[in-house]
C-alpha atoms as a PDB file:
ATOM      1  CA  MET A   1       0.070  -0.088   0.112  1.00  0.00           C
ATOM      2  CA  HIS A   2       1.566   3.308  -1.258  1.00  0.00           C
ATOM      3  CA  PHE A   3       0.421   6.704  -0.435  1.00  0.00           C
ATOM      4  CA  THR A   4       1.513   9.785  -2.751  1.00  0.00           C
ATOM      5  CA  SER A   5       2.712  13.152  -1.027  1.00  0.00           C
ATOM      6  CA  SER A   6      -0.596  14.590  -2.629  1.00  0.00           C
ATOM      7  CA  GLN A   7      -2.689  12.005  -0.869  1.00  0.00           C
ATOM      8  CA  LEU A   8      -0.917  12.572   2.359  1.00  0.00           C
ATOM      9  CA  ILE A   9      -1.512  16.520   2.102  1.00  0.00           C
ATOM     10  CA  LEU A  10      -5.110  15.739   1.132  1.00  0.00           C
ATOM     11  CA  LEU A  11      -5.368  13.724   4.288  1.00  0.00           C
ATOM     12  CA  GLN A  12      -3.911  16.579   6.472  1.00  0.00           C
ATOM     13  CA  LEU A  13      -6.386  18.961   4.993  1.00  0.00           C
ATOM     14  CA  LEU A  14      -9.259  16.620   5.651  1.00  0.00           C
ATOM     15  CA  GLY A  15      -7.882  15.999   9.045  1.00  0.00           C
ATOM     16  CA  ASP A  16      -9.796  18.602  10.701  1.00  0.00           C
ATOM     17  CA  GLY A  17     -12.989  16.572  10.236  1.00  0.00           C
ATOM     18  CA  GLY A  18     -14.476  19.449   8.248  1.00  0.00           C
ATOM     19  CA  CYS A  19     -16.200  19.181   4.950  1.00  0.00           C
ATOM     20  CA  HIS A  20     -13.916  20.545   2.047  1.00  0.00           C
ATOM     21  CA  SER A  21     -14.998  21.124  -1.536  1.00  0.00           C
ATOM     22  CA  GLY A  22     -12.994  19.560  -4.400  1.00  0.00           C
ATOM     23  CA  SER A  23     -11.976  23.103  -5.716  1.00  0.00           C
ATOM     24  CA  GLU A  24     -10.880  24.090  -2.312  1.00  0.00           C
ATOM     25  CA  LEU A  25      -8.731  21.011  -1.938  1.00  0.00           C
ATOM     26  CA  GLY A  26      -7.385  21.377  -5.578  1.00  0.00           C
ATOM     27  CA  ALA A  27      -6.286  24.999  -4.922  1.00  0.00           C
ATOM     28  CA  ALA A  28      -4.563  24.011  -1.643  1.00  0.00           C
ATOM     29  CA  ILE A  29      -2.504  21.138  -3.253  1.00  0.00           C
ATOM     30  CA  GLY A  30      -2.185  22.817  -6.731  1.00  0.00           C
ATOM     31  CA  ILE A  31      -4.050  20.186  -8.843  1.00  0.00           C
ATOM     32  CA  THR A  32      -7.343  20.266 -10.621  1.00  0.00           C
ATOM     33  CA  ARG A  33     -10.542  19.205  -8.967  1.00  0.00           C
ATOM     34  CA  SER A  34     -10.885  16.057 -11.112  1.00  0.00           C
ATOM     35  CA  ALA A  35      -7.433  14.975  -9.824  1.00  0.00           C
ATOM     36  CA  ILE A  36      -8.851  15.378  -6.441  1.00  0.00           C
ATOM     37  CA  TRP A  37     -11.581  13.166  -7.323  1.00  0.00           C
ATOM     38  CA  LYS A  38      -9.257  10.485  -8.544  1.00  0.00           C
ATOM     39  CA  GLN A  39      -6.934  10.755  -5.247  1.00  0.00           C
ATOM     40  CA  ILE A  40     -10.211  10.547  -3.141  1.00  0.00           C
ATOM     41  CA  ASN A  41     -11.074   7.342  -5.018  1.00  0.00           C
ATOM     42  CA  GLN A  42      -7.585   5.820  -4.549  1.00  0.00           C
ATOM     43  CA  LEU A  43      -7.707   6.793  -0.813  1.00  0.00           C
ATOM     44  CA  ILE A  44     -11.243   5.170  -0.480  1.00  0.00           C
ATOM     45  CA  ASP A  45      -9.872   1.959  -2.475  1.00  0.00           C
ATOM     46  CA  SER A  46      -7.067   1.787   0.126  1.00  0.00           C
ATOM     47  CA  GLY A  47      -9.547   1.778   2.964  1.00  0.00           C
ATOM     48  CA  ILE A  48      -9.664   5.335   4.150  1.00  0.00           C
ATOM     49  CA  PRO A  49     -13.281   6.174   4.907  1.00  0.00           C
ATOM     50  CA  VAL A  50     -13.468   9.400   3.145  1.00  0.00           C
ATOM     51  CA  LYS A  51     -17.189  10.554   2.716  1.00  0.00           C
ATOM     52  CA  ARG A  52     -18.459  12.172  -0.490  1.00  0.00           C
ATOM     53  CA  ILE A  53     -21.088  14.902   0.477  1.00  0.00           C
ATOM     54  CA  ARG A  54     -23.093  15.714  -2.631  1.00  0.00           C
ATOM     55  CA  HIS A  55     -22.722  19.341  -3.788  1.00  0.00           C
ATOM     56  CA  GLN A  56     -20.446  19.907  -0.764  1.00  0.00           C
ATOM     57  CA  GLY A  57     -17.135  18.054  -0.985  1.00  0.00           C
ATOM     58  CA  TYR A  58     -15.284  15.464   1.067  1.00  0.00           C
ATOM     59  CA  GLN A  59     -15.112  14.693   4.754  1.00  0.00           C
ATOM     60  CA  LEU A  60     -13.302  12.358   7.104  1.00  0.00           C
ATOM     61  CA  PRO A  61     -15.809  11.009   9.631  1.00  0.00           C
ATOM     62  CA  ASN A  62     -13.428  11.627  12.401  1.00  0.00           C
ATOM     63  CA  PRO A  63     -10.490  14.006  13.073  1.00  0.00           C
ATOM     64  CA  LEU A  64      -7.136  12.725  12.204  1.00  0.00           C
ATOM     65  CA  ILE A  65      -3.601  13.890  12.881  1.00  0.00           C
ATOM     66  CA  LEU A  66      -0.924  12.221  10.960  1.00  0.00           C
ATOM     67  CA  LEU A  67       2.168  11.001  12.621  1.00  0.00           C
ATOM     68  CA  ASN A  68       5.055  13.583  12.430  1.00  0.00           C
ATOM     69  CA  LYS A  69       8.631  12.777  13.107  1.00  0.00           C
ATOM     70  CA  GLU A  70       9.658  16.358  14.226  1.00  0.00           C
ATOM     71  CA  LYS A  71       6.485  16.322  16.598  1.00  0.00           C
ATOM     72  CA  ILE A  72       7.342  13.142  18.319  1.00  0.00           C
ATOM     73  CA  MET A  73      11.147  14.062  18.609  1.00  0.00           C
ATOM     74  CA  GLY A  74      10.027  17.366  20.163  1.00  0.00           C
ATOM     75  CA  HIS A  75       8.284  15.399  23.200  1.00  0.00           C
ATOM     76  CA  LEU A  76      11.434  13.294  23.821  1.00  0.00           C
ATOM     77  CA  PRO A  77      14.215  14.368  26.241  1.00  0.00           C
ATOM     78  CA  LEU A  78      17.646  15.153  24.557  1.00  0.00           C
ATOM     79  CA  GLN A  79      19.427  13.260  27.192  1.00  0.00           C
ATOM     80  CA  THR A  80      18.499   9.655  27.970  1.00  0.00           C
ATOM     81  CA  GLN A  81      19.938   6.879  30.241  1.00  0.00           C
ATOM     82  CA  LEU A  82      20.490   4.311  27.610  1.00  0.00           C
ATOM     83  CA  ALA A  83      21.086   5.945  24.183  1.00  0.00           C
ATOM     84  CA  PRO A  84      20.009   8.729  21.926  1.00  0.00           C
ATOM     85  CA  PHE A  85      16.671   8.348  20.166  1.00  0.00           C
ATOM     86  CA  ASN A  86      16.451   7.889  16.336  1.00  0.00           C
ATOM     87  CA  MET A  87      13.061   8.198  14.703  1.00  0.00           C
ATOM     88  CA  HIS A  88      11.620   6.444  11.621  1.00  0.00           C
ATOM     89  CA  VAL A  89       8.067   7.371  10.520  1.00  0.00           C
ATOM     90  CA  VAL A  90       6.618   5.656   7.705  1.00  0.00           C
ATOM     91  CA  THR A  91       3.207   5.758   6.189  1.00  0.00           C
ATOM     92  CA  SER A  92       2.551   2.186   5.285  1.00  0.00           C
ATOM     93  CA  ILE A  93       4.732  -1.079   6.086  1.00  0.00           C
ATOM     94  CA  ASP A  94       4.384  -4.829   6.623  1.00  0.00           C
ATOM     95  CA  SER A  95       5.804  -4.715  10.024  1.00  0.00           C
ATOM     96  CA  THR A  96       7.557  -2.231  12.071  1.00  0.00           C
ATOM     97  CA  ASN A  97       9.484  -4.962  14.051  1.00  0.00           C
ATOM     98  CA  ARG A  98      10.733  -6.287  10.626  1.00  0.00           C
ATOM     99  CA  TYR A  99      11.863  -2.844   9.569  1.00  0.00           C
ATOM    100  CA  LEU A 100      14.029  -2.494  12.699  1.00  0.00           C
ATOM    101  CA  LYS A 101      15.513  -6.190  12.181  1.00  0.00           C
ATOM    102  CA  GLU A 102      16.790  -5.015   8.797  1.00  0.00           C
ATOM    103  CA  LEU A 103      18.359  -1.836  10.114  1.00  0.00           C
ATOM    104  CA  PRO A 104      22.331  -1.937  10.484  1.00  0.00           C
ATOM    105  CA  PRO A 105      23.454  -2.076  14.024  1.00  0.00           C
ATOM    106  CA  SER A 106      23.736   1.268  15.808  1.00  0.00           C
ATOM    107  CA  ASN A 107      24.513   3.064  19.020  1.00  0.00           C
ATOM    108  CA  THR A 108      21.083   4.524  19.173  1.00  0.00           C
ATOM    109  CA  VAL A 109      17.454   3.543  20.155  1.00  0.00           C
ATOM    110  CA  ASP A 110      15.961   3.250  16.882  1.00  0.00           C
ATOM    111  CA  ILE A 111      12.222   3.666  16.794  1.00  0.00           C
ATOM    112  CA  CYS A 112       9.799   2.920  13.775  1.00  0.00           C
ATOM    113  CA  CYS A 113       6.019   4.164  13.727  1.00  0.00           C
ATOM    114  CA  ALA A 114       3.671   3.548  10.962  1.00  0.00           C
ATOM    115  CA  GLU A 115       0.316   4.614   9.879  1.00  0.00           C
ATOM    116  CA  ILE A 116      -0.742   1.201   8.944  1.00  0.00           C
ATOM    117  CA  GLN A 117       0.692  -2.272   9.178  1.00  0.00           C
ATOM    118  CA  THR A 118      -0.295  -4.529   6.484  1.00  0.00           C
ATOM    119  CA  GLN A 119       1.287  -7.828   8.393  1.00  0.00           C
ATOM    120  CA  GLY A 120       1.134  -6.709  11.961  1.00  0.00           C
ATOM    121  CA  ARG A 121       1.188  -9.608  14.421  1.00  0.00           C
ATOM    122  CA  GLY A 122       1.172 -10.334  18.093  1.00  0.00           C
ATOM    123  CA  ARG A 123       2.195 -13.382  20.008  1.00  0.00           C
ATOM    124  CA  PHE A 124       1.893 -16.814  18.582  1.00  0.00           C
ATOM    125  CA  GLY A 125       1.909 -15.261  15.132  1.00  0.00           C
ATOM    126  CA  ARG A 126      -1.706 -13.765  15.535  1.00  0.00           C
ATOM    127  CA  HIS A 127      -2.801 -10.959  12.984  1.00  0.00           C
ATOM    128  CA  TRP A 128      -3.031  -7.563  14.636  1.00  0.00           C
ATOM    129  CA  HIS A 129      -5.673  -5.414  13.222  1.00  0.00           C
ATOM    130  CA  SER A 130      -4.145  -2.103  11.874  1.00  0.00           C
ATOM    131  CA  PRO A 131      -6.564   0.436  10.357  1.00  0.00           C
ATOM    132  CA  PHE A 132      -5.002   3.496   8.794  1.00  0.00           C
ATOM    133  CA  GLY A 133      -4.091   6.461  10.811  1.00  0.00           C
ATOM    134  CA  GLU A 134      -6.045   5.513  14.002  1.00  0.00           C
ATOM    135  CA  ASN A 135      -3.848   3.643  16.286  1.00  0.00           C
ATOM    136  CA  ILE A 136      -0.322   3.235  17.239  1.00  0.00           C
ATOM    137  CA  TYR A 137       1.881   0.514  15.746  1.00  0.00           C
ATOM    138  CA  CYS A 138       5.387   1.348  17.106  1.00  0.00           C
ATOM    139  CA  SER A 139       8.604  -0.813  17.557  1.00  0.00           C
ATOM    140  CA  SER A 140      11.879   0.318  19.265  1.00  0.00           C
ATOM    141  CA  ARG A 141      15.293  -1.423  19.028  1.00  0.00           C
ATOM    142  CA  TRP A 142      17.464  -1.448  22.303  1.00  0.00           C
ATOM    143  CA  ASN A 143      20.827  -2.406  23.133  1.00  0.00           C
ATOM    144  CA  LEU A 144      20.695  -3.727  26.901  1.00  0.00           C
ATOM    145  CA  ASN A 145      23.574  -4.757  28.834  1.00  0.00           C
ATOM    146  CA  TYR A 146      21.982  -7.467  30.949  1.00  0.00           C
ATOM    147  CA  ASP A 147      22.051 -10.939  31.942  1.00  0.00           C
ATOM    148  CA  PHE A 148      20.419 -12.867  29.104  1.00  0.00           C
ATOM    149  CA  THR A 149      19.083 -15.639  31.817  1.00  0.00           C
ATOM    150  CA  LYS A 150      16.967 -12.850  33.455  1.00  0.00           C
ATOM    151  CA  LEU A 151      15.295 -11.590  30.404  1.00  0.00           C
ATOM    152  CA  SER A 152      12.112 -13.622  30.747  1.00  0.00           C
ATOM    153  CA  GLY A 153      10.587 -10.725  32.808  1.00  0.00           C
ATOM    154  CA  LEU A 154      11.125  -8.117  29.975  1.00  0.00           C
ATOM    155  CA  SER A 155       7.611  -8.621  28.508  1.00  0.00           C
ATOM    156  CA  LEU A 156       6.076  -7.980  31.930  1.00  0.00           C
ATOM    157  CA  VAL A 157       8.332  -4.755  32.648  1.00  0.00           C
ATOM    158  CA  THR A 158       7.242  -3.551  29.005  1.00  0.00           C
ATOM    159  CA  SER A 159       3.534  -4.174  29.964  1.00  0.00           C
ATOM    160  CA  LEU A 160       3.944  -1.957  33.089  1.00  0.00           C
ATOM    161  CA  ALA A 161       5.670   0.862  31.050  1.00  0.00           C
ATOM    162  CA  ILE A 162       2.639   0.910  28.926  1.00  0.00           C
ATOM    163  CA  LEU A 163       0.286   0.829  31.756  1.00  0.00           C
ATOM    164  CA  ALA A 164       2.303   3.720  33.376  1.00  0.00           C
ATOM    165  CA  THR A 165       1.727   5.747  30.311  1.00  0.00           C
ATOM    166  CA  LEU A 166      -2.033   5.059  30.301  1.00  0.00           C
ATOM    167  CA  ASN A 167      -2.142   5.879  33.973  1.00  0.00           C
ATOM    168  CA  GLU A 168      -0.545   9.297  32.978  1.00  0.00           C
ATOM    169  CA  LEU A 169      -3.713   9.952  30.978  1.00  0.00           C
ATOM    170  CA  ASP A 170      -5.985   9.449  34.023  1.00  0.00           C
ATOM    171  CA  ILE A 171      -8.663   7.646  31.876  1.00  0.00           C
ATOM    172  CA  SER A 172      -9.668   4.655  33.951  1.00  0.00           C
ATOM    173  CA  PRO A 173      -8.821   2.603  37.200  1.00  0.00           C
ATOM    174  CA  ASN A 174      -9.970  -0.530  35.457  1.00  0.00           C
ATOM    175  CA  ILE A 175      -6.962  -1.034  32.995  1.00  0.00           C
ATOM    176  CA  LYS A 176      -5.213  -4.206  34.039  1.00  0.00           C
ATOM    177  CA  ILE A 177      -2.253  -6.440  32.664  1.00  0.00           C
ATOM    178  CA  LYS A 178      -3.071 -10.017  31.537  1.00  0.00           C
ATOM    179  CA  TRP A 179       0.200 -12.061  31.961  1.00  0.00           C
ATOM    180  CA  PRO A 180       2.388 -11.609  30.258  1.00  0.00           C
ATOM    181  CA  ASN A 181       1.766  -8.725  27.701  1.00  0.00           C
ATOM    182  CA  ASP A 182      -2.024  -7.991  27.133  1.00  0.00           C
ATOM    183  CA  ILE A 183      -3.409  -4.772  28.434  1.00  0.00           C
ATOM    184  CA  LEU A 184      -7.160  -5.031  29.054  1.00  0.00           C
ATOM    185  CA  TRP A 185      -9.985  -2.687  30.053  1.00  0.00           C
ATOM    186  CA  ASN A 186     -13.346  -4.315  31.131  1.00  0.00           C
ATOM    187  CA  HIS A 187     -12.129  -7.683  29.781  1.00  0.00           C
ATOM    188  CA  LYS A 188     -11.486  -6.319  26.291  1.00  0.00           C
ATOM    189  CA  LYS A 189      -8.015  -5.916  24.612  1.00  0.00           C
ATOM    190  CA  LEU A 190      -6.511  -2.401  24.479  1.00  0.00           C
ATOM    191  CA  CYS A 191      -2.936  -3.090  23.852  1.00  0.00           C
ATOM    192  CA  GLY A 192      -0.304  -5.700  23.301  1.00  0.00           C
ATOM    193  CA  SER A 193       3.400  -6.125  22.627  1.00  0.00           C
ATOM    194  CA  LEU A 194       5.635  -8.477  20.829  1.00  0.00           C
ATOM    195  CA  ILE A 195       9.436  -8.874  21.926  1.00  0.00           C
ATOM    196  CA  GLU A 196      12.060 -10.231  19.628  1.00  0.00           C
ATOM    197  CA  ILE A 197      15.536 -10.970  20.848  1.00  0.00           C
ATOM    198  CA  LEU A 198      18.002 -10.261  17.920  1.00  0.00           C
ATOM    199  CA  ALA A 199      21.450 -10.909  19.050  1.00  0.00           C
ATOM    200  CA  GLU A 200      23.664 -11.212  22.208  1.00  0.00           C
ATOM    201  CA  SER A 201      27.360 -10.463  22.446  1.00  0.00           C
ATOM    202  CA  ASN A 202      29.748  -9.648  25.212  1.00  0.00           C
ATOM    203  CA  GLY A 203      26.992  -9.197  27.748  1.00  0.00           C
ATOM    204  CA  ASN A 204      25.014  -6.926  25.449  1.00  0.00           C
ATOM    205  CA  ILE A 205      21.545  -7.993  24.096  1.00  0.00           C
ATOM    206  CA  GLN A 206      19.658  -6.494  21.223  1.00  0.00           C
ATOM    207  CA  VAL A 207      15.795  -6.606  21.615  1.00  0.00           C
ATOM    208  CA  ILE A 208      13.028  -5.094  19.511  1.00  0.00           C
ATOM    209  CA  ILE A 209       9.843  -4.250  21.512  1.00  0.00           C
ATOM    210  CA  GLY A 210       6.796  -3.929  19.314  1.00  0.00           C
ATOM    211  CA  ILE A 211       3.661  -2.168  20.628  1.00  0.00           C
ATOM    212  CA  GLY A 212       0.121  -1.956  19.219  1.00  0.00           C
ATOM    213  CA  LEU A 213      -2.044   0.373  21.143  1.00  0.00           C
ATOM    214  CA  ASN A 214      -5.831   1.043  19.976  1.00  0.00           C
ATOM    215  CA  VAL A 215      -6.155   4.827  20.325  1.00  0.00           C
ATOM    216  CA  ASN A 216      -8.643   6.299  18.131  1.00  0.00           C
ATOM    217  CA  THR A 217     -10.554   3.421  16.462  1.00  0.00           C
ATOM    218  CA  ASP A 218     -14.299   3.496  17.198  1.00  0.00           C
ATOM    219  CA  THR A 219     -14.141  -0.273  18.518  1.00  0.00           C
ATOM    220  CA  GLN A 220     -17.759  -0.492  19.631  1.00  0.00           C
ATOM    221  CA  ASN A 221     -19.135   0.117  16.166  1.00  0.00           C
ATOM    222  CA  HIS A 222     -16.392  -2.040  14.435  1.00  0.00           C
ATOM    223  CA  PRO A 223     -16.230  -5.386  16.473  1.00  0.00           C
ATOM    224  CA  LEU A 224     -13.695  -8.013  15.611  1.00  0.00           C
ATOM    225  CA  PRO A 225     -14.874 -11.471  14.876  1.00  0.00           C
ATOM    226  CA  ASP A 226     -12.403 -13.416  16.925  1.00  0.00           C
ATOM    227  CA  LYS A 227     -11.719 -11.261  20.139  1.00  0.00           C
ATOM    228  CA  PRO A 228     -13.284  -8.353  22.027  1.00  0.00           C
ATOM    229  CA  TRP A 229     -11.158  -5.252  21.663  1.00  0.00           C
ATOM    230  CA  CYS A 230     -11.503  -1.607  22.868  1.00  0.00           C
ATOM    231  CA  SER A 231      -9.733   1.685  22.231  1.00  0.00           C
ATOM    232  CA  LEU A 232      -8.842   4.929  24.232  1.00  0.00           C
ATOM    233  CA  TYR A 233     -11.715   6.604  22.252  1.00  0.00           C
ATOM    234  CA  GLU A 234     -14.137   3.798  23.563  1.00  0.00           C
ATOM    235  CA  ILE A 235     -12.889   4.555  27.128  1.00  0.00           C
ATOM    236  CA  THR A 236     -13.038   8.215  27.039  1.00  0.00           C
ATOM    237  CA  LYS A 237     -15.038   9.280  23.753  1.00  0.00           C
ATOM    238  CA  GLN A 238     -11.992  11.615  23.051  1.00  0.00           C
ATOM    239  CA  TYR A 239      -9.655  11.625  20.261  1.00  0.00           C
ATOM    240  CA  PHE A 240      -5.777  11.628  20.982  1.00  0.00           C
ATOM    241  CA  ASP A 241      -2.771  12.804  19.282  1.00  0.00           C
ATOM    242  CA  ARG A 242      -0.771   9.759  18.617  1.00  0.00           C
ATOM    243  CA  ASN A 243       2.481  11.831  18.389  1.00  0.00           C
ATOM    244  CA  VAL A 244       2.292  12.687  22.050  1.00  0.00           C
ATOM    245  CA  LEU A 245       1.307   9.267  23.101  1.00  0.00           C
ATOM    246  CA  ILE A 246       4.271   7.640  21.308  1.00  0.00           C
ATOM    247  CA  ALA A 247       6.614  10.015  22.823  1.00  0.00           C
ATOM    248  CA  LYS A 248       5.180   9.129  26.415  1.00  0.00           C
ATOM    249  CA  LEU A 249       5.408   5.324  25.566  1.00  0.00           C
ATOM    250  CA  ILE A 250       9.139   5.686  24.553  1.00  0.00           C
ATOM    251  CA  ILE A 251      10.094   7.899  27.719  1.00  0.00           C
ATOM    252  CA  ASN A 252       8.293   5.282  30.023  1.00  0.00           C
ATOM    253  CA  LEU A 253       9.873   2.301  28.201  1.00  0.00           C
ATOM    254  CA  GLU A 254      13.267   3.936  28.637  1.00  0.00           C
ATOM    255  CA  ARG A 255      12.698   4.597  32.216  1.00  0.00           C
ATOM    256  CA  TYR A 256      11.504   1.048  32.988  1.00  0.00           C
ATOM    257  CA  LEU A 257      14.179  -0.734  31.085  1.00  0.00           C
ATOM    258  CA  THR A 258      16.679   1.419  32.972  1.00  0.00           C
ATOM    259  CA  LYS A 259      15.286   0.205  36.303  1.00  0.00           C
ATOM    260  CA  PHE A 260      14.974  -3.219  35.073  1.00  0.00           C
ATOM    261  CA  ILE A 261      18.615  -3.536  34.095  1.00  0.00           C
ATOM    262  CA  HIS A 262      19.722  -2.103  37.472  1.00  0.00           C
ATOM    263  CA  GLN A 263      17.340  -3.568  39.886  1.00  0.00           C
ATOM    264  CA  ASP A 264      15.828  -6.727  37.990  1.00  0.00           C
ATOM    265  CA  LEU A 265      12.299  -7.821  38.056  1.00  0.00           C
ATOM    266  CA  SER A 266      12.000  -8.193  41.786  1.00  0.00           C
ATOM    267  CA  SER A 267      11.577  -4.334  42.151  1.00  0.00           C
ATOM    268  CA  PHE A 268       8.334  -4.394  39.970  1.00  0.00           C
ATOM    269  CA  LEU A 269       6.508  -7.021  41.818  1.00  0.00           C
ATOM    270  CA  ASP A 270       4.324  -4.721  43.961  1.00  0.00           C
ATOM    271  CA  GLU A 271       3.508  -2.761  40.865  1.00  0.00           C
ATOM    272  CA  TRP A 272       2.774  -5.679  39.031  1.00  0.00           C
ATOM    273  CA  ASN A 273       0.367  -7.182  41.632  1.00  0.00           C
ATOM    274  CA  LYS A 274      -1.569  -4.011  41.753  1.00  0.00           C
ATOM    275  CA  SER A 275      -2.482  -4.532  38.100  1.00  0.00           C
ATOM    276  CA  ASP A 276      -2.693  -8.283  37.844  1.00  0.00           C
ATOM    277  CA  TYR A 277      -5.716  -9.068  35.797  1.00  0.00           C
ATOM    278  CA  LEU A 278      -5.594 -12.851  36.316  1.00  0.00           C
ATOM    279  CA  PHE A 279      -4.689 -13.142  40.285  1.00  0.00           C
ATOM    280  CA  GLY A 280      -7.063 -15.242  42.149  1.00  0.00           C
ATOM    281  CA  LYS A 281      -9.133 -16.198  38.747  1.00  0.00           C
ATOM    282  CA  LYS A 282      -9.589 -19.966  37.640  1.00  0.00           C
ATOM    283  CA  ILE A 283      -7.923 -20.069  34.310  1.00  0.00           C
ATOM    284  CA  ASN A 284      -6.696 -22.205  31.395  1.00  0.00           C
ATOM    285  CA  VAL A 285      -3.048 -22.087  30.201  1.00  0.00           C
ATOM    286  CA  THR A 286      -2.558 -23.456  26.719  1.00  0.00           C
ATOM    287  CA  GLN A 287       0.934 -24.578  25.830  1.00  0.00           C
ATOM    288  CA  SER A 288       2.277 -26.482  22.854  1.00  0.00           C
ATOM    289  CA  LEU A 289       1.495 -29.919  24.150  1.00  0.00           C
ATOM    290  CA  ASP A 290      -1.188 -29.596  26.712  1.00  0.00           C
ATOM    291  CA  THR A 291      -3.587 -27.308  28.728  1.00  0.00           C
ATOM    292  CA  LEU A 292      -3.103 -26.781  32.452  1.00  0.00           C
ATOM    293  CA  SER A 293      -6.180 -25.525  34.542  1.00  0.00           C
ATOM    294  CA  GLY A 294      -6.166 -24.010  37.998  1.00  0.00           C
ATOM    295  CA  VAL A 295      -5.963 -20.762  40.148  1.00  0.00           C
ATOM    296  CA  ALA A 296      -3.454 -17.947  39.062  1.00  0.00           C
ATOM    297  CA  CYS A 297      -1.558 -17.021  42.207  1.00  0.00           C
ATOM    298  CA  GLY A 298       0.629 -14.042  40.699  1.00  0.00           C
ATOM    299  CA  ILE A 299       4.159 -14.246  39.347  1.00  0.00           C
ATOM    300  CA  ASN A 300       7.747 -15.051  40.774  1.00  0.00           C
ATOM    301  CA  GLN A 301      10.892 -13.042  40.543  1.00  0.00           C
ATOM    302  CA  LEU A 302      11.657 -14.564  37.098  1.00  0.00           C
ATOM    303  CA  GLY A 303       8.329 -13.435  35.690  1.00  0.00           C
ATOM    304  CA  GLN A 304       6.773 -16.866  35.645  1.00  0.00           C
ATOM    305  CA  LEU A 305       3.056 -17.462  36.179  1.00  0.00           C
ATOM    306  CA  ILE A 306       2.283 -19.353  39.233  1.00  0.00           C
ATOM    307  CA  LEU A 307      -0.721 -21.720  38.512  1.00  0.00           C
ATOM    308  CA  GLN A 308      -1.969 -23.879  41.487  1.00  0.00           C
ATOM    309  CA  ASP A 309      -4.155 -26.925  40.239  1.00  0.00           C
ATOM    310  CA  LYS A 310      -7.016 -28.459  42.013  1.00  0.00           C
ATOM    311  CA  SER A 311      -4.407 -30.986  43.692  1.00  0.00           C
ATOM    312  CA  GLY A 312      -2.822 -27.981  45.257  1.00  0.00           C
ATOM    313  CA  THR A 313       0.367 -28.427  43.082  1.00  0.00           C
ATOM    314  CA  LYS A 314       2.043 -25.150  41.785  1.00  0.00           C
ATOM    315  CA  HIS A 315       3.295 -24.817  38.570  1.00  0.00           C
ATOM    316  CA  PHE A 316       5.735 -22.287  37.378  1.00  0.00           C
ATOM    317  CA  LEU A 317       4.984 -21.294  33.682  1.00  0.00           C
ATOM    318  CA  SER A 318       7.437 -19.310  31.406  1.00  0.00           C
ATOM    319  CA  SER A 319       4.883 -19.148  28.326  1.00  0.00           C
ATOM    320  CA  GLY A 320       1.417 -20.014  27.306  1.00  0.00           C
ATOM    321  CA  ASP A 321      -1.624 -18.644  26.445  1.00  0.00           C
ATOM    322  CA  THR A 322      -3.989 -17.874  29.245  1.00  0.00           C
ATOM    323  CA  SER A 323      -7.918 -17.714  29.195  1.00  0.00           C
ATOM    324  CA  LEU A 324     -10.496 -17.451  32.034  1.00  0.00           C
ATOM    325  CA  HIS A 325     -11.884 -20.739  32.882  1.00  0.00           C
ATOM    326  CA  GLU A 326     -15.569 -21.148  31.822  1.00  0.00           C
ATOM    327  CA  LYS A 327     -17.919 -22.047  34.484  1.00  0.00           C
END
C-alpha cells in the first residue's frame, strides 16, 4: 500500500474533520478538481473512509492527526539513560518490527512508527488489526547490557511501562495487565506487545519491542470477529494525538528498562500485583502440548506465572496462552 505526497497532504487537509470542496482542496494542493476526485477514489480503495457529500465536498468521519517525526522528537528528552533516540516514521509498512530487524546495528535507540501495518502480528503469530491513521503501531530497538538468563521478565516490564503511560492519561482505574503482555479494559484488549531478541554478544542483548495500542478506532461500532477489543476512544469518547502518546510510551519504556537493568524484576513485583488481571481467577493455560487449569497466584521473581491446580500443586510457567476458565 503506497500513498503519494498529494494524498498525504489531502489527508492532512481533511484531518480537521470538516467538509472541504474539491475546488478548495485542489487549490490548496495545486491540482485540478478532477485530480482530487481521482485521489479521493484511490484513498477510499485503500481503506480510508472518506465520505463524499453531494454538492459540498469530502469529509473524514473523524479527526485525523498524521504521525510527524519532528512532533514526536519534540516531546522526547535530549538526554537519555540508555542511548539517543533515532525516529523512523513511515506511512505504510508490513511490520515495524521487521523494519528494525533489517536496519544496520547502531548506538542509538531506533524507533519505527507507521500509519498502517499490512502484516502486523502479536504473540503466537496472531494478526494485529491495523486500520490507517487511527492507532499506534510502534517498535523500538534497544541494546541492553543485561544477563540473558533474566530476560524472561522483559515482557512484564514492557507491559508495566505501557500501563504507566496510560495511567498518566488518568482515563480509567480498570485497566489491567493479563500475563504476560496484554493490556485489558473491562475484559477487552486495549494493547499488546511483541518482543523479539535479535542477538547477544559480550553481555549486550539487542531486543525489539513492538507495541500495538488501540487509540482512536471506534471499536464499539467495529467489532472484531475473533476477540473483544477496545480503544482509548471507546473508554473516553475523546480523540488523542498519537504523536504525543508515542513519545510518552518511549519515555516510560526507557525509564522502566533502565530500572530493570539495574534492579531486575523483583523491584516491580508490587507494581505488577496491583495491576494483575489474572490473580485469584480460575484460568486455563494452553501450551504447545497440553492445557493446564487452576487458580492464578501471581508471578515469581523470574516473571513466571504461578498456577495452582486442584490438587494444590503449583506450576511455574514461562510461556503459554491464558484464558479465564469457563464455568
